[in-house]
Amino acid sequence: MARYIERAGNTARLLHVNSLFLIDARINNLSQNSYWLSVLEATSLIEEYNHYSGKEDYKNDITTFLALENETASSIKSSIRLARENARMVRDQISDEIWVELNALHLYLNSNKSKLDFKKSLHDFCVKIIQFSLLFEGIANATLPHNEAWNFYQMGMFLERADKTSRIIDIPKRLKKSDQPSSWGAILESCSARSAYRQLYGTAANERSVTDLLIFSRSFPRSIRFCIDRLDENIHEISGTPKHMYSSEAERIVGATKSKLDFERLENVFSTGLGIYIDKLQKDFNKIGKEIFDAFVLMPNEIQRVGLDESQARRMQNQFSQ
């Protein structure tokens, strides 16, 4: 549930920031489609979009695919639907406030009003979803007991957030003038980081400072380092293993990723190449998701006990990762 909620908010952020990019860069209509395709490549959705767009009766453009597509788990609409299904399955463990807000957004996204709002103003539509994700996080923190279930909720949220923040950082490179302050200012806004940036740096947005904030900040809640730090805390709370030790491959990989971020230098990131560094982080995030599933959701001995073969277990793991 947490991953889907966070994914909806971050997909809205991706739509929002790239629509700003298109305005700032003054990209003409003929070039916009190719630009949105590059966004799909950055988010690993290009194959999925090609699958649907190749159908004769398919009418959605890329922005509609990311926002309102019914069949993919990556769109805002589908993410909220799947989050609601998960919430319904654990209805007795979540607060009434969580259910009311999530159900209201689900009904809105399945109404004609959401389609009209989306066509009228992509900006306003995205802001609505972003505000919901922030509201949902606050309600969850304020109304759920901070027990094992809450730690799982936090793990899902922070893992998804770290992944999407990395993808947002990578997008300006797809513009010819990625060093423009307006481009990096849009990145800050998409991560709700403009105020934090002003407090810390007090200068016009630039590639190095924005990258430093969104990857390495210990205090900003949407930075990758912050997310992995919290993920490390949550996974140790669940397992009961002392910090700096591990009892599963999931804990080991989380700890290893945390150490990389703790001891990495910004100069090394740019000497390696920002895009290459981001790709390595995303591979680590994928490994973490897989190992969390294996360690806590469907343990190897449970696979044998319930009689699943390896292919069935992997299908379940892929559904969990999505």
Protein backbone atom coordinates (compact mmCIF):
# COMPACT_ATOMS: atom_id res chain seq x y z
CA MET A 1 0.00 0.00 0.00
CA ALA A 2 2.76 2.43 0.97
CA ARG A 3 4.75 1.85 -2.22
CA TYR A 4 1.71 2.46 -4.41
CA ILE A 5 0.77 5.66 -2.58
CA GLU A 6 4.32 6.97 -2.83
CA ARG A 7 4.47 5.92 -6.49
CA ALA A 8 1.32 7.88 -7.31
CA GLY A 9 2.73 11.01 -5.70
CA ASN A 10 6.08 10.65 -7.43
CA THR A 11 4.55 9.91 -10.82
CA ALA A 12 2.64 13.15 -10.38
CA ARG A 13 5.96 14.83 -9.59
CA LEU A 14 7.50 13.42 -12.77
CA LEU A 15 4.60 14.72 -14.85
CA HIS A 16 4.76 18.07 -13.11
CA VAL A 17 8.51 18.64 -13.46
CA ASN A 18 8.65 17.58 -17.09
CA SER A 19 5.74 19.79 -18.08
CA LEU A 20 7.73 22.65 -16.52
CA PHE A 21 10.81 21.58 -18.45
CA LEU A 22 8.91 21.72 -21.72
CA ILE A 23 7.77 25.27 -20.94
CA ASP A 24 11.20 26.47 -19.80
CA ALA A 25 13.01 24.88 -22.74
CA ARG A 26 10.34 26.10 -25.20
CA ILE A 27 10.23 22.72 -26.92
CA ASN A 28 7.85 22.76 -29.86
CA ASN A 29 4.93 20.38 -30.20
CA LEU A 30 6.72 18.16 -32.72
CA SER A 31 9.55 17.49 -30.26
CA GLN A 32 7.42 17.02 -27.16
CA ASN A 33 6.47 13.41 -27.87
CA SER A 34 10.09 12.35 -28.32
CA TYR A 35 10.95 14.15 -25.10
CA TRP A 36 8.23 12.32 -23.16
CA LEU A 37 9.56 9.06 -24.61
CA SER A 38 12.92 9.87 -23.04
CA VAL A 39 11.13 10.30 -19.71
CA LEU A 40 9.63 6.82 -20.11
CA GLU A 41 13.12 5.48 -20.75
CA ALA A 42 14.40 7.14 -17.57
CA THR A 43 11.59 5.51 -15.59
CA SER A 44 11.90 2.08 -17.29
CA LEU A 45 8.36 2.34 -18.71
CA ILE A 46 9.15 2.58 -22.41
CA GLU A 47 8.51 -1.12 -23.15
CA GLU A 48 5.22 -1.08 -21.27
CA TYR A 49 4.06 2.03 -23.12
CA ASN A 50 5.07 0.56 -26.50
CA HIS A 51 3.04 -2.55 -25.66
CA TYR A 52 -0.15 -0.52 -25.17
CA SER A 53 0.44 2.14 -27.81
CA GLY A 54 0.99 -0.56 -30.42
CA LYS A 55 -2.65 -1.58 -30.20
CA GLU A 56 -4.88 -0.21 -32.97
CA ASP A 57 -7.57 1.10 -30.62
CA TYR A 58 -5.17 2.73 -28.14
CA LYS A 59 -5.76 6.49 -27.89
CA ASN A 60 -3.83 7.68 -24.81
CA ASP A 61 -0.78 9.91 -25.20
CA ILE A 62 2.19 9.53 -22.84
CA THR A 63 0.97 11.97 -20.18
CA THR A 64 -2.43 10.27 -20.08
CA PHE A 65 -0.68 6.89 -19.92
CA LEU A 66 1.25 8.02 -16.83
CA ALA A 67 -1.77 9.58 -15.17
CA LEU A 68 -4.94 7.67 -16.06
CA GLU A 69 -4.03 4.36 -17.72
CA ASN A 70 -6.08 1.49 -16.26
CA GLU A 71 -3.94 -1.49 -17.19
CA THR A 72 -0.48 -0.57 -15.88
CA ALA A 73 0.64 -0.60 -12.24
CA SER A 74 2.73 2.51 -12.86
CA SER A 75 0.05 5.10 -13.61
CA ILE A 76 -1.38 7.35 -10.93
CA LYS A 77 -4.87 5.93 -11.34
CA SER A 78 -3.75 2.30 -11.16
CA SER A 79 -1.39 2.97 -8.25
CA ILE A 80 -4.26 4.39 -6.20
CA ARG A 81 -6.53 1.51 -7.19
CA LEU A 82 -3.93 -1.06 -6.12
CA ALA A 83 -3.20 0.86 -2.91
CA ARG A 84 -6.93 0.79 -2.11
CA GLU A 85 -7.10 -2.96 -2.76
CA ASN A 86 -4.20 -3.51 -0.37
CA ALA A 87 -5.81 -1.20 2.19
CA ARG A 88 -9.09 -3.11 1.93
CA MET A 89 -7.25 -6.37 2.69
CA VAL A 90 -5.83 -4.90 5.92
CA ARG A 91 -8.84 -2.74 6.74
CA ASP A 92 -8.76 -3.82 10.38
CA GLN A 93 -5.16 -2.61 10.77
CA ILE A 94 -5.47 0.89 9.31
CA SER A 95 -7.28 3.93 10.66
CA ASP A 96 -10.65 5.17 9.45
CA GLU A 97 -8.98 8.41 8.35
CA ILE A 98 -6.60 6.53 6.03
CA TRP A 99 -9.45 4.57 4.45
CA VAL A 100 -11.67 7.64 3.95
CA GLU A 101 -8.97 9.69 2.21
CA LEU A 102 -7.74 6.82 0.03
CA ASN A 103 -11.24 5.78 -0.98
CA ALA A 104 -12.17 9.38 -1.83
CA LEU A 105 -9.18 9.75 -4.17
CA HIS A 106 -9.93 6.37 -5.77
CA LEU A 107 -13.50 7.47 -6.51
CA TYR A 108 -12.28 10.80 -7.88
CA LEU A 109 -9.79 9.14 -10.27
CA ASN A 110 -12.53 6.85 -11.56
CA SER A 111 -14.90 9.74 -12.24
CA ASN A 112 -15.28 11.89 -15.33
CA LYS A 113 -14.25 14.91 -13.26
CA SER A 114 -10.66 13.65 -12.99
CA LYS A 115 -10.45 13.30 -16.78
CA LEU A 116 -11.81 16.81 -17.27
CA ASP A 117 -9.46 18.23 -14.64
CA PHE A 118 -6.50 16.49 -16.26
CA LYS A 119 -7.32 17.89 -19.70
CA LYS A 120 -7.99 21.34 -18.31
CA SER A 121 -4.76 21.66 -16.29
CA LEU A 122 -2.05 19.04 -15.97
CA HIS A 123 -0.39 21.26 -13.37
CA ASP A 124 -3.45 21.42 -11.07
CA PHE A 125 -4.13 17.70 -11.47
CA CYS A 126 -0.56 16.82 -10.44
CA VAL A 127 -0.60 19.22 -7.50
CA LYS A 128 -3.79 17.55 -6.23
CA ILE A 129 -2.13 14.12 -6.27
CA ILE A 130 1.08 15.42 -4.68
CA GLN A 131 -0.90 17.09 -1.90
CA PHE A 132 -2.81 13.85 -1.30
CA SER A 133 0.41 11.85 -0.94
CA LEU A 134 1.71 14.35 1.61
CA LEU A 135 -1.61 14.32 3.47
CA PHE A 136 -1.69 10.53 3.45
CA GLU A 137 1.82 10.31 4.93
CA GLY A 138 0.83 12.70 7.71
CA ILE A 139 -2.37 10.80 8.50
CA ALA A 140 -0.51 7.48 8.61
CA ASN A 141 2.14 8.85 10.97
CA ALA A 142 -0.48 10.41 13.22
CA THR A 143 -3.05 7.59 13.36
CA LEU A 144 -1.20 4.26 13.00
CA PRO A 145 0.45 2.55 15.99
CA HIS A 146 4.21 2.68 15.45
CA ASN A 147 4.61 -1.09 15.52
CA GLU A 148 5.90 -3.73 13.09
CA ALA A 149 3.19 -2.97 10.51
CA TRP A 150 4.11 0.71 10.62
CA ASN A 151 7.78 -0.18 10.05
CA PHE A 152 6.81 -2.16 6.96
CA TYR A 153 4.76 0.82 5.79
CA GLN A 154 7.78 3.09 6.28
CA MET A 155 10.09 0.68 4.44
CA GLY A 156 7.84 0.63 1.39
CA MET A 157 7.45 4.39 1.36
CA PHE A 158 11.15 5.20 1.73
CA LEU A 159 12.30 2.59 -0.80
CA GLU A 160 9.87 3.89 -3.43
CA ARG A 161 10.79 7.50 -2.62
CA ALA A 162 14.52 6.88 -2.97
CA ASP A 163 14.01 5.25 -6.36
CA LYS A 164 11.83 8.02 -7.74
CA THR A 165 14.02 10.82 -6.39
CA SER A 166 16.92 9.25 -8.27
CA ARG A 167 14.91 9.22 -11.48
CA ILE A 168 13.86 12.85 -11.07
CA ILE A 169 17.49 13.90 -10.60
CA ASP A 170 18.44 12.16 -13.84
CA ILE A 171 15.89 13.96 -16.02
CA PRO A 172 17.64 17.35 -16.68
CA LYS A 173 20.38 15.57 -18.60
CA ARG A 174 17.76 14.86 -21.24
CA LEU A 175 17.50 18.56 -21.99
CA LYS A 176 20.12 20.21 -24.18
CA LYS A 177 20.47 23.06 -21.68
CA SER A 178 20.44 21.04 -18.47
CA ASP A 179 22.70 23.53 -16.69
CA GLN A 180 20.08 26.27 -16.69
CA PRO A 181 18.96 27.33 -13.19
CA SER A 182 15.33 27.05 -14.29
CA SER A 183 15.79 23.34 -15.03
CA TRP A 184 17.28 22.56 -11.65
CA GLY A 185 14.77 24.84 -9.97
CA ALA A 186 12.03 22.69 -11.45
CA ILE A 187 13.76 19.60 -10.04
CA LEU A 188 13.72 21.17 -6.58
CA GLU A 189 10.05 22.01 -6.89
CA SER A 190 9.19 18.48 -8.02
CA CYS A 191 10.78 17.16 -4.81
CA SER A 192 9.24 19.88 -2.59
CA ALA A 193 12.81 20.97 -1.94
CA ARG A 194 12.90 24.62 -2.99
CA SER A 195 12.62 26.02 0.55
CA ALA A 196 15.15 23.54 1.96
CA TYR A 197 17.58 24.45 -0.82
CA ARG A 198 17.29 28.17 -0.12
CA GLN A 199 17.96 27.60 3.58
CA LEU A 200 21.03 25.46 2.95
CA TYR A 201 22.61 27.13 -0.08
CA GLY A 202 20.97 30.53 -0.61
CA THR A 203 22.09 30.57 -4.25
CA ALA A 204 20.50 30.00 -7.64
CA ALA A 205 19.83 26.34 -8.31
CA ASN A 206 22.65 24.53 -10.05
CA GLU A 207 23.47 20.93 -10.87
CA ARG A 208 26.06 20.28 -8.17
CA SER A 209 24.19 21.81 -5.25
CA VAL A 210 20.83 20.27 -6.17
CA THR A 211 22.47 16.86 -6.64
CA ASP A 212 24.23 17.20 -3.28
CA LEU A 213 20.93 18.02 -1.53
CA LEU A 214 18.80 15.33 -3.18
CA ILE A 215 21.34 12.52 -2.90
CA PHE A 216 23.43 13.17 0.21
CA SER A 217 21.44 15.32 2.64
CA ARG A 218 21.09 13.72 6.08
CA SER A 219 18.18 15.98 7.07
CA PHE A 220 15.99 16.53 3.96
CA PRO A 221 13.19 13.89 3.96
CA ARG A 222 13.20 13.30 0.21
CA SER A 223 16.95 12.87 -0.23
CA ILE A 224 18.17 9.40 -1.15
CA ARG A 225 20.50 9.23 1.84
CA PHE A 226 17.72 10.19 4.26
CA CYS A 227 15.43 7.51 2.78
CA ILE A 228 18.05 4.75 3.03
CA ASP A 229 18.96 5.80 6.59
CA ARG A 230 15.30 5.44 7.62
CA LEU A 231 14.96 2.19 5.68
CA ASP A 232 17.95 0.81 7.60
CA GLU A 233 16.33 1.81 10.91
CA ASN A 234 12.99 0.25 9.98
CA ILE A 235 14.43 -3.07 8.82
CA HIS A 236 16.43 -3.40 12.05
CA GLU A 237 13.33 -2.57 14.11
CA ILE A 238 11.50 -5.42 12.38
CA SER A 239 14.27 -8.01 12.70
CA GLY A 240 15.46 -6.96 16.15
CA THR A 241 19.07 -7.18 14.97
CA PRO A 242 21.44 -4.64 16.54
CA LYS A 243 22.54 -1.79 14.27
CA HIS A 244 25.66 -2.34 12.18
CA MET A 245 24.87 -6.08 12.13
CA TYR A 246 22.59 -8.09 9.86
CA SER A 247 20.58 -11.29 10.01
CA SER A 248 19.40 -11.43 6.38
CA GLU A 249 20.59 -10.53 2.90
CA ALA A 250 18.02 -7.72 2.91
CA GLU A 251 19.64 -6.08 5.93
CA ARG A 252 23.11 -6.58 4.44
CA ILE A 253 22.27 -4.87 1.13
CA VAL A 254 20.47 -2.00 2.89
CA GLY A 255 23.51 -1.53 5.14
CA ALA A 256 25.91 -1.71 2.20
CA THR A 257 23.91 0.89 0.27
CA LYS A 258 23.82 3.11 3.35
CA SER A 259 27.61 2.85 3.71
CA LYS A 260 28.13 3.80 0.07
CA LEU A 261 26.08 6.95 0.58
CA ASP A 262 27.75 7.75 3.90
CA PHE A 263 31.27 7.66 2.48
CA GLU A 264 30.71 8.81 -1.11
CA ARG A 265 31.96 12.22 -2.23
CA LEU A 266 30.15 14.51 -4.64
CA GLU A 267 33.32 14.86 -6.73
CA ASN A 268 33.37 11.10 -7.29
CA VAL A 269 29.76 11.15 -8.47
CA PHE A 270 30.52 13.66 -11.20
CA SER A 271 33.84 12.07 -12.16
CA THR A 272 32.01 8.76 -12.59
CA GLY A 273 29.07 10.42 -14.31
CA LEU A 274 25.79 11.34 -12.64
CA GLY A 275 23.77 9.07 -14.92
CA ILE A 276 26.04 6.07 -14.26
CA TYR A 277 25.93 6.68 -10.51
CA ILE A 278 22.13 6.92 -10.55
CA ASP A 279 21.87 3.66 -12.53
CA LYS A 280 23.98 1.88 -9.89
CA LEU A 281 21.75 3.20 -7.11
CA GLN A 282 18.61 2.02 -8.89
CA LYS A 283 20.07 -1.48 -9.23
CA ASP A 284 20.71 -1.46 -5.48
CA PHE A 285 17.10 -0.40 -4.85
CA ASN A 286 15.82 -3.26 -7.01
CA LYS A 287 17.98 -5.73 -5.05
CA ILE A 288 16.68 -4.35 -1.76
CA GLY A 289 13.05 -4.83 -2.85
CA LYS A 290 13.75 -8.42 -3.91
CA GLU A 291 15.59 -9.31 -0.71
CA ILE A 292 12.92 -7.73 1.53
CA PHE A 293 10.38 -9.96 -0.19
CA ASP A 294 12.53 -13.07 0.26
CA ALA A 295 13.37 -12.31 3.90
CA PHE A 296 10.02 -11.10 5.25
CA VAL A 297 7.19 -11.84 2.82
CA LEU A 298 7.83 -15.29 1.36
CA MET A 299 10.81 -16.93 3.03
CA PRO A 300 12.61 -19.78 1.22
CA ASN A 301 11.41 -22.43 3.68
CA GLU A 302 7.84 -21.14 3.22
CA ILE A 303 8.11 -21.66 -0.54
CA GLN A 304 8.61 -25.38 0.06
CA ARG A 305 6.00 -25.59 2.82
CA VAL A 306 3.17 -24.18 0.72
CA GLY A 307 4.22 -26.14 -2.36
CA LEU A 308 5.14 -23.29 -4.72
CA ASP A 309 7.65 -23.87 -7.47
CA GLU A 310 10.33 -21.27 -8.21
CA SER A 311 8.44 -19.66 -11.11
CA GLN A 312 5.33 -19.14 -8.95
CA ALA A 313 7.44 -17.63 -6.19
CA ARG A 314 9.14 -15.26 -8.65
CA ARG A 315 5.78 -14.13 -10.02
CA MET A 316 4.71 -13.24 -6.49
CA GLN A 317 8.02 -11.42 -5.97
CA ASN A 318 7.53 -9.41 -9.18
CA GLN A 319 4.04 -8.40 -8.07
CA PHE A 320 5.46 -7.30 -4.71
CA SER A 321 8.23 -5.26 -6.42
CA GLN A 322 5.72 -3.53 -8.71
